[in-house]
Amino acid sequence: MNLLLVEDDVPLADALREGVLQHGWQVAHAGDAQAAKLLLADHAFTAVLLDLGLPGESGLALLRWMRTRYDATPVLVITARGQLSERIQGLEQGADDYLVKPFQFEELFARVRALARRSQGRVTALIRCGEVSVDPQKHQVFRAGQPVDISAYEYRTLLALLERPGRVLSRDKLQQIVYGDEADVGSNTIAVFIHQLRRKLGDDIVQTVHGQGYKLGETRP
């Protein structure tokens, strides 16, 4: 099991991480939605343990973001919000299960195992553009059915464009999506990623709109 824990309460997060590690599973921790997005873009997780009361962007907003980008990773909401209306809202936004704090580790592990069993039979929809397809759950890219090795930043750039077909994204907007709040980003990095994507996936995968930015290319299937 490889879990992503999204929790801003540091003492609680440390306790949960220790418990998960002692159980023999792997766990990565994100303290807010932005950090979680970067981890989700780079790694495939068995399940996400998600707190709703995050600073800045809420846990529900992160959950909506995951589902709109076809990320079917099972999500177990762990929160102090135990009201029925809030549980229903979380489930309707795409959560798979709900666990109210405080809880016992044995119940957490049992629920995660159940989520993992159910997810084994899921078929994740691929995002396609011509002969290029992306499996957003496994973070795999294919061209004409063959896997293509691309870097994490190239993957983020490609996914940003695939999720917005027909929309022109400026260099600054792409940079914000790809890097988040990271500093010291070179001015030509996005152009480098676009060049690499064209080299690996075909010249027509990304179209340059002069003076405006880039958009998904009008490729033929």
Protein backbone atom coordinates (compact mmCIF):
# COMPACT_ATOMS: atom_id res chain seq x y z
CA MET A 1 0.00 0.00 0.00
CA ASN A 2 1.22 3.47 -0.90
CA LEU A 3 -0.92 6.20 0.66
CA LEU A 4 -1.10 9.98 0.38
CA LEU A 5 -2.04 11.72 3.61
CA VAL A 6 -3.40 15.27 3.16
CA GLU A 7 -3.57 16.77 6.64
CA ASP A 8 -2.53 20.20 7.96
CA ASP A 9 -2.51 19.27 11.66
CA VAL A 10 1.18 18.40 12.08
CA PRO A 11 0.95 16.37 15.34
CA LEU A 12 -1.97 14.38 13.96
CA ALA A 13 -0.22 13.88 10.62
CA ASP A 14 2.91 12.64 12.39
CA ALA A 15 0.88 10.18 14.44
CA LEU A 16 -0.95 8.90 11.37
CA ARG A 17 2.27 8.54 9.39
CA GLU A 18 3.89 6.62 12.23
CA GLY A 19 0.90 4.30 12.52
CA VAL A 20 0.79 3.64 8.78
CA LEU A 21 4.54 2.99 8.60
CA GLN A 22 4.40 0.59 11.55
CA HIS A 23 1.64 -1.25 9.69
CA GLY A 24 4.11 -1.87 6.88
CA TRP A 25 2.63 0.56 4.36
CA GLN A 26 4.22 3.55 2.65
CA VAL A 27 2.86 7.06 3.11
CA ALA A 28 3.58 10.53 1.72
CA HIS A 29 2.35 13.66 3.48
CA ALA A 30 1.00 16.94 2.12
CA GLY A 31 0.01 19.81 4.41
CA ASP A 32 -2.23 21.61 1.90
CA ALA A 33 -4.02 21.14 -1.42
CA GLN A 34 -1.22 22.59 -3.56
CA ALA A 35 1.37 20.19 -2.16
CA ALA A 36 -1.09 17.33 -2.63
CA LYS A 37 -1.62 18.23 -6.29
CA LEU A 38 2.10 18.10 -6.97
CA LEU A 39 2.38 14.68 -5.35
CA LEU A 40 -0.67 13.37 -7.20
CA ALA A 41 0.80 14.59 -10.49
CA ASP A 42 4.05 12.70 -9.89
CA HIS A 43 2.97 9.50 -8.15
CA ALA A 44 0.32 6.80 -8.28
CA PHE A 45 -1.18 6.10 -4.85
CA THR A 46 -3.26 3.22 -3.59
CA ALA A 47 -5.53 5.65 -1.74
CA VAL A 48 -5.71 9.22 -0.44
CA LEU A 49 -6.48 10.04 3.19
CA LEU A 50 -8.01 13.50 2.94
CA ASP A 51 -8.81 16.04 5.63
CA LEU A 52 -11.47 18.54 4.57
CA GLY A 53 -10.38 21.46 6.75
CA LEU A 54 -7.21 22.42 4.89
CA PRO A 55 -5.72 25.93 4.84
CA GLY A 56 -6.38 27.84 1.64
CA GLU A 57 -8.01 25.52 -0.88
CA SER A 58 -10.36 23.13 0.89
CA GLY A 59 -10.26 19.37 0.87
CA LEU A 60 -13.51 19.30 -1.10
CA ALA A 61 -11.96 21.54 -3.76
CA LEU A 62 -8.98 19.18 -3.99
CA LEU A 63 -11.36 16.25 -4.33
CA ARG A 64 -13.24 17.98 -7.16
CA TRP A 65 -9.91 18.73 -8.86
CA MET A 66 -8.95 15.06 -8.72
CA ARG A 67 -12.20 13.86 -10.21
CA THR A 68 -12.33 16.46 -12.98
CA ARG A 69 -8.87 15.33 -14.14
CA TYR A 70 -10.06 11.69 -14.28
CA ASP A 71 -8.04 10.70 -11.21
CA ALA A 72 -9.94 7.71 -9.82
CA THR A 73 -7.61 7.11 -6.85
CA PRO A 74 -9.81 6.02 -3.91
CA VAL A 75 -10.30 8.82 -1.38
CA LEU A 76 -11.03 8.22 2.29
CA VAL A 77 -12.13 11.46 3.93
CA ILE A 78 -10.87 11.74 7.51
CA THR A 79 -12.31 14.72 9.34
CA ALA A 80 -13.85 16.01 12.52
CA ARG A 81 -16.87 17.12 10.51
CA GLY A 82 -19.35 14.40 11.37
CA GLN A 83 -22.66 15.97 10.33
CA LEU A 84 -24.69 13.93 7.87
CA SER A 85 -25.00 16.82 5.39
CA GLU A 86 -21.21 17.21 5.26
CA ARG A 87 -20.68 13.47 4.79
CA ILE A 88 -23.19 13.47 1.94
CA GLN A 89 -21.47 16.47 0.33
CA GLY A 90 -18.11 14.73 0.45
CA LEU A 91 -19.49 11.54 -1.08
CA GLU A 92 -21.25 13.48 -3.82
CA GLN A 93 -18.00 15.27 -4.71
CA GLY A 94 -16.32 11.92 -5.32
CA ALA A 95 -15.15 10.57 -1.95
CA ASP A 96 -15.25 6.79 -1.63
CA ASP A 97 -15.58 6.54 2.14
CA TYR A 98 -15.77 8.70 5.25
CA LEU A 99 -14.09 8.30 8.65
CA VAL A 100 -14.86 10.72 11.48
CA LYS A 101 -12.14 11.67 13.98
CA PRO A 102 -11.21 10.30 16.43
CA PHE A 103 -10.88 6.74 15.08
CA GLN A 104 -8.91 3.58 15.73
CA PHE A 105 -6.06 2.62 13.43
CA GLU A 106 -7.59 -0.83 12.93
CA GLU A 107 -10.69 0.73 11.39
CA LEU A 108 -8.59 3.01 9.16
CA PHE A 109 -6.55 0.07 7.85
CA ALA A 110 -9.68 -2.02 7.26
CA ARG A 111 -11.36 0.77 5.29
CA VAL A 112 -8.25 1.37 3.16
CA ARG A 113 -7.97 -2.34 2.37
CA ALA A 114 -11.64 -2.37 1.36
CA LEU A 115 -11.12 0.66 -0.91
CA ALA A 116 -8.11 -1.01 -2.52
CA ARG A 117 -10.10 -4.19 -3.21
CA ARG A 118 -12.96 -2.25 -4.79
CA SER A 119 -10.64 -0.14 -6.93
CA GLN A 120 -8.99 -3.19 -8.50
CA GLY A 121 -11.99 -3.69 -10.74
CA ARG A 122 -12.22 -0.06 -11.87
CA VAL A 123 -11.45 0.95 -15.42
CA THR A 124 -10.05 4.49 -15.62
CA ALA A 125 -10.99 6.53 -18.67
CA LEU A 126 -8.01 7.50 -20.81
CA ILE A 127 -7.58 11.08 -22.01
CA ARG A 128 -6.89 11.01 -25.76
CA CYS A 129 -5.56 13.37 -28.39
CA GLY A 130 -5.03 11.74 -31.76
CA GLU A 131 -2.72 8.78 -31.28
CA VAL A 132 -1.62 10.04 -27.85
CA SER A 133 -3.40 8.78 -24.74
CA VAL A 134 -2.83 9.37 -21.03
CA ASP A 135 -3.81 7.19 -18.10
CA PRO A 136 -4.14 9.82 -15.32
CA GLN A 137 -4.43 7.24 -12.54
CA LYS A 138 -1.21 5.41 -13.42
CA HIS A 139 0.53 8.52 -14.79
CA GLN A 140 1.36 6.72 -18.03
CA VAL A 141 1.56 8.22 -21.54
CA PHE A 142 1.15 6.24 -24.74
CA ARG A 143 1.69 7.00 -28.41
CA ALA A 144 0.02 4.63 -30.85
CA GLY A 145 -0.43 2.23 -27.95
CA GLN A 146 3.24 2.23 -26.98
CA PRO A 147 4.40 3.66 -23.62
CA VAL A 148 6.42 6.87 -23.79
CA ASP A 149 8.87 7.92 -21.09
CA ILE A 150 8.36 11.57 -20.16
CA SER A 151 9.49 13.57 -17.14
CA ALA A 152 7.17 14.64 -14.32
CA TYR A 153 7.17 18.26 -15.51
CA GLU A 154 6.53 17.24 -19.11
CA TYR A 155 3.63 15.12 -17.87
CA ARG A 156 2.15 18.05 -15.95
CA THR A 157 2.46 20.30 -19.01
CA LEU A 158 0.78 17.73 -21.25
CA LEU A 159 -2.03 17.06 -18.76
CA ALA A 160 -2.69 20.80 -18.31
CA LEU A 161 -3.28 21.12 -22.05
CA LEU A 162 -5.26 17.87 -22.37
CA GLU A 163 -7.62 18.99 -19.62
CA ARG A 164 -8.34 22.25 -21.49
CA PRO A 165 -8.87 21.30 -25.15
CA GLY A 166 -9.19 24.33 -27.42
CA ARG A 167 -8.12 26.75 -24.71
CA VAL A 168 -4.96 28.83 -25.11
CA LEU A 169 -2.75 28.83 -22.01
CA SER A 170 -0.14 31.52 -21.59
CA ARG A 171 3.40 30.61 -20.61
CA ASP A 172 2.83 32.13 -17.17
CA LYS A 173 -0.40 30.16 -16.66
CA LEU A 174 1.25 26.89 -17.69
CA GLN A 175 4.18 27.67 -15.43
CA GLN A 176 1.80 28.22 -12.51
CA ILE A 177 0.00 24.92 -13.17
CA VAL A 178 3.20 22.92 -13.64
CA TYR A 179 5.27 24.39 -10.80
CA GLY A 180 2.71 25.67 -8.33
CA ASP A 181 4.38 28.05 -5.90
CA GLU A 182 7.94 26.95 -6.64
CA ALA A 183 10.36 29.84 -7.04
CA ASP A 184 13.36 30.44 -9.31
CA VAL A 185 11.76 28.99 -12.42
CA GLY A 186 13.58 29.85 -15.63
CA SER A 187 11.70 31.90 -18.20
CA ASN A 188 12.16 29.33 -20.99
CA THR A 189 11.34 26.16 -19.04
CA ILE A 190 7.83 25.76 -20.47
CA ALA A 191 9.21 26.15 -23.99
CA VAL A 192 11.68 23.37 -23.22
CA PHE A 193 8.90 21.07 -22.01
CA ILE A 194 6.83 21.83 -25.12
CA HIS A 195 9.83 21.04 -27.32
CA GLN A 196 10.35 17.72 -25.55
CA LEU A 197 6.67 16.79 -25.83
CA ARG A 198 6.72 17.49 -29.56
CA ARG A 199 9.88 15.43 -29.97
CA LYS A 200 8.44 12.45 -28.10
CA LEU A 201 4.76 12.63 -29.07
CA GLY A 202 4.74 14.37 -32.46
CA ASP A 203 5.10 17.93 -33.68
CA ASP A 204 1.35 18.49 -33.76
CA ILE A 205 0.65 17.57 -30.13
CA VAL A 206 0.97 21.23 -29.04
CA GLN A 207 0.14 24.28 -31.13
CA THR A 208 1.85 27.63 -30.56
CA VAL A 209 -0.49 30.64 -30.67
CA HIS A 210 1.93 33.51 -31.28
CA GLY A 211 1.73 36.27 -28.73
CA GLN A 212 -0.69 34.28 -26.55
CA GLY A 213 0.71 30.90 -25.55
CA TYR A 214 0.00 27.26 -26.30
CA LYS A 215 -2.98 25.00 -26.82
CA LEU A 216 -3.61 21.35 -27.54
CA GLY A 217 -2.82 20.59 -31.15
CA GLU A 218 -5.52 19.65 -33.61
CA THR A 219 -4.22 16.15 -34.21
CA ARG A 220 -5.93 13.54 -36.34
CA PRO A 221 -6.93 10.28 -34.62
